[in-house]
Amino acid sequence: MTLTELVAMLRSTGYPVAHSHFHVDENNPPPNPPFITYTTLAEDALIADNKNYHKMIDVDIELYTDKKDLQAELSIESLLDEHELPYEASQVWIESEQLFQKTYEVRMI
């Protein structure tokens, strides 16, 4: 799966999606939760015979909600399972934003 395909998959949830953060100004307010951001953390390659055979990208997918939202979590987890993208998940409460952040760590090959 490519990063473009991953972004399309995330957008299919119907939630707003942005790389890293949403650009907010007076004409463009922040989205209401739930919303998704993603960041690319690292890029590695499977190398043999002086060639890059496969590119691997580590991506964090972050789901932001104002309450514990099992349906939103299930929508992302179902898509990851459907596309056979193994993930590890963790969740924190961001006091200053009054939001839950659930992070899904995936590696795309």
C-alpha atoms as a PDB file:
ATOM      1  CA  MET A   1       0.000   0.000   0.000  1.00  0.00           C
ATOM      2  CA  THR A   2       1.237   3.473  -0.839  1.00  0.00           C
ATOM      3  CA  LEU A   3       0.842   6.567   1.304  1.00  0.00           C
ATOM      4  CA  THR A   4      -1.651   7.945  -1.233  1.00  0.00           C
ATOM      5  CA  GLU A   5      -3.744   4.789  -0.883  1.00  0.00           C
ATOM      6  CA  LEU A   6      -3.561   5.006   2.911  1.00  0.00           C
ATOM      7  CA  VAL A   7      -4.814   8.609   2.846  1.00  0.00           C
ATOM      8  CA  ALA A   8      -7.685   7.623   0.528  1.00  0.00           C
ATOM      9  CA  MET A   9      -8.524   4.777   2.903  1.00  0.00           C
ATOM     10  CA  LEU A  10      -8.588   7.174   5.876  1.00  0.00           C
ATOM     11  CA  ARG A  11     -10.770   9.654   3.989  1.00  0.00           C
ATOM     12  CA  SER A  12     -13.273   6.876   3.298  1.00  0.00           C
ATOM     13  CA  THR A  13     -14.188   7.058   7.010  1.00  0.00           C
ATOM     14  CA  GLY A  14     -15.884  10.400   6.316  1.00  0.00           C
ATOM     15  CA  TYR A  15     -13.802  12.130   8.999  1.00  0.00           C
ATOM     16  CA  PRO A  16     -11.592  15.129   8.140  1.00  0.00           C
ATOM     17  CA  VAL A  17      -8.008  13.999   7.412  1.00  0.00           C
ATOM     18  CA  ALA A  18      -4.783  16.042   7.311  1.00  0.00           C
ATOM     19  CA  HIS A  19      -1.068  15.413   7.233  1.00  0.00           C
ATOM     20  CA  SER A  20       0.413  16.449  10.581  1.00  0.00           C
ATOM     21  CA  HIS A  21      -2.164  19.141  11.379  1.00  0.00           C
ATOM     22  CA  PHE A  22      -4.985  21.201   9.947  1.00  0.00           C
ATOM     23  CA  HIS A  23      -4.153  24.657   8.635  1.00  0.00           C
ATOM     24  CA  VAL A  24      -6.392  26.927  10.662  1.00  0.00           C
ATOM     25  CA  ASP A  25      -7.054  30.617  10.181  1.00  0.00           C
ATOM     26  CA  GLU A  26      -9.984  33.011  10.439  1.00  0.00           C
ATOM     27  CA  ASN A  27     -11.454  31.687   7.172  1.00  0.00           C
ATOM     28  CA  ASN A  28     -10.688  28.044   7.877  1.00  0.00           C
ATOM     29  CA  PRO A  29     -11.712  26.926  11.397  1.00  0.00           C
ATOM     30  CA  PRO A  30     -10.506  23.654  12.884  1.00  0.00           C
ATOM     31  CA  PRO A  31     -12.693  20.601  12.248  1.00  0.00           C
ATOM     32  CA  ASN A  32     -14.979  19.284  14.929  1.00  0.00           C
ATOM     33  CA  PRO A  33     -13.989  15.913  16.379  1.00  0.00           C
ATOM     34  CA  PRO A  34     -13.670  13.201  15.392  1.00  0.00           C
ATOM     35  CA  PHE A  35     -10.865  13.939  12.956  1.00  0.00           C
ATOM     36  CA  ILE A  36      -7.691  12.192  11.803  1.00  0.00           C
ATOM     37  CA  THR A  37      -4.111  13.277  11.257  1.00  0.00           C
ATOM     38  CA  TYR A  38      -1.214  11.164  10.036  1.00  0.00           C
ATOM     39  CA  THR A  39       2.542  11.625  10.079  1.00  0.00           C
ATOM     40  CA  THR A  40       5.318   9.700   8.429  1.00  0.00           C
ATOM     41  CA  LEU A  41       7.949   8.831  10.990  1.00  0.00           C
ATOM     42  CA  ALA A  42      10.634   6.945   9.112  1.00  0.00           C
ATOM     43  CA  GLU A  43      11.392   5.454   5.745  1.00  0.00           C
ATOM     44  CA  ASP A  44      13.502   2.347   5.431  1.00  0.00           C
ATOM     45  CA  ALA A  45      14.309   0.084   2.546  1.00  0.00           C
ATOM     46  CA  LEU A  46      14.925  -3.582   1.988  1.00  0.00           C
ATOM     47  CA  ILE A  47      18.257  -3.503   0.204  1.00  0.00           C
ATOM     48  CA  ALA A  48      20.039  -6.312  -1.623  1.00  0.00           C
ATOM     49  CA  ASP A  49      22.530  -6.424  -4.472  1.00  0.00           C
ATOM     50  CA  ASN A  50      23.013  -2.656  -4.179  1.00  0.00           C
ATOM     51  CA  LYS A  51      19.342  -2.001  -4.959  1.00  0.00           C
ATOM     52  CA  ASN A  52      16.336  -0.858  -2.985  1.00  0.00           C
ATOM     53  CA  TYR A  53      13.781  -3.610  -3.452  1.00  0.00           C
ATOM     54  CA  HIS A  54      11.044  -2.463  -1.111  1.00  0.00           C
ATOM     55  CA  LYS A  55      10.391   0.848   0.548  1.00  0.00           C
ATOM     56  CA  MET A  56       8.966   0.700   4.073  1.00  0.00           C
ATOM     57  CA  ILE A  57       7.242   3.681   5.689  1.00  0.00           C
ATOM     58  CA  ASP A  58       6.305   3.975   9.360  1.00  0.00           C
ATOM     59  CA  VAL A  59       3.144   6.028   9.822  1.00  0.00           C
ATOM     60  CA  ASP A  60       1.282   7.234  12.896  1.00  0.00           C
ATOM     61  CA  ILE A  61      -2.455   7.615  12.358  1.00  0.00           C
ATOM     62  CA  GLU A  62      -3.997   9.769  15.091  1.00  0.00           C
ATOM     63  CA  LEU A  63      -7.718   9.805  15.808  1.00  0.00           C
ATOM     64  CA  TYR A  64      -8.939  12.755  17.886  1.00  0.00           C
ATOM     65  CA  THR A  65     -12.285  12.597  19.694  1.00  0.00           C
ATOM     66  CA  ASP A  66     -13.912  14.690  22.412  1.00  0.00           C
ATOM     67  CA  LYS A  67     -15.233  11.538  24.131  1.00  0.00           C
ATOM     68  CA  LYS A  68     -14.342   7.862  24.002  1.00  0.00           C
ATOM     69  CA  ASP A  69     -15.727   7.025  20.556  1.00  0.00           C
ATOM     70  CA  LEU A  70     -15.755   3.271  19.993  1.00  0.00           C
ATOM     71  CA  GLN A  71     -17.480   3.639  16.610  1.00  0.00           C
ATOM     72  CA  ALA A  72     -14.763   5.962  15.279  1.00  0.00           C
ATOM     73  CA  GLU A  73     -12.078   3.609  16.568  1.00  0.00           C
ATOM     74  CA  LEU A  74     -13.816   0.628  15.012  1.00  0.00           C
ATOM     75  CA  SER A  75     -14.055   2.378  11.642  1.00  0.00           C
ATOM     76  CA  ILE A  76     -10.272   2.860  11.524  1.00  0.00           C
ATOM     77  CA  GLU A  77      -9.443  -0.569  12.951  1.00  0.00           C
ATOM     78  CA  SER A  78     -11.784  -2.294  10.499  1.00  0.00           C
ATOM     79  CA  LEU A  79     -10.125  -0.547   7.562  1.00  0.00           C
ATOM     80  CA  LEU A  80      -6.645  -1.438   8.804  1.00  0.00           C
ATOM     81  CA  ASP A  81      -7.710  -5.075   9.243  1.00  0.00           C
ATOM     82  CA  GLU A  82      -9.454  -5.148   5.854  1.00  0.00           C
ATOM     83  CA  HIS A  83      -6.287  -3.886   4.141  1.00  0.00           C
ATOM     84  CA  GLU A  84      -4.087  -6.242   6.198  1.00  0.00           C
ATOM     85  CA  LEU A  85      -2.127  -3.442   7.838  1.00  0.00           C
ATOM     86  CA  PRO A  86      -1.008  -4.654  11.264  1.00  0.00           C
ATOM     87  CA  TYR A  87      -1.000  -1.933  13.892  1.00  0.00           C
ATOM     88  CA  GLU A  88      -0.251  -1.142  17.496  1.00  0.00           C
ATOM     89  CA  ALA A  89      -2.514   1.329  19.277  1.00  0.00           C
ATOM     90  CA  SER A  90      -2.250   3.586  22.294  1.00  0.00           C
ATOM     91  CA  GLN A  91      -4.460   6.309  23.713  1.00  0.00           C
ATOM     92  CA  VAL A  92      -3.939   9.440  25.798  1.00  0.00           C
ATOM     93  CA  TRP A  93      -6.119  12.290  27.081  1.00  0.00           C
ATOM     94  CA  ILE A  94      -4.799  15.718  26.075  1.00  0.00           C
ATOM     95  CA  GLU A  95      -5.930  17.953  28.907  1.00  0.00           C
ATOM     96  CA  SER A  96      -5.081  21.256  27.207  1.00  0.00           C
ATOM     97  CA  GLU A  97      -7.179  20.348  24.144  1.00  0.00           C
ATOM     98  CA  GLN A  98      -9.881  18.395  25.984  1.00  0.00           C
ATOM     99  CA  LEU A  99      -9.460  15.604  23.423  1.00  0.00           C
ATOM    100  CA  PHE A 100      -8.625  11.923  23.379  1.00  0.00           C
ATOM    101  CA  GLN A 101      -5.847  10.971  20.981  1.00  0.00           C
ATOM    102  CA  LYS A 102      -5.739   7.362  19.830  1.00  0.00           C
ATOM    103  CA  THR A 103      -2.611   6.569  17.834  1.00  0.00           C
ATOM    104  CA  TYR A 104      -2.295   3.651  15.429  1.00  0.00           C
ATOM    105  CA  GLU A 105       1.284   2.814  14.461  1.00  0.00           C
ATOM    106  CA  VAL A 106       1.548   1.041  11.101  1.00  0.00           C
ATOM    107  CA  ARG A 107       4.369   0.018   8.791  1.00  0.00           C
ATOM    108  CA  MET A 108       3.617   0.004   5.089  1.00  0.00           C
ATOM    109  CA  ILE A 109       5.701  -2.137   2.775  1.00  0.00           C
END
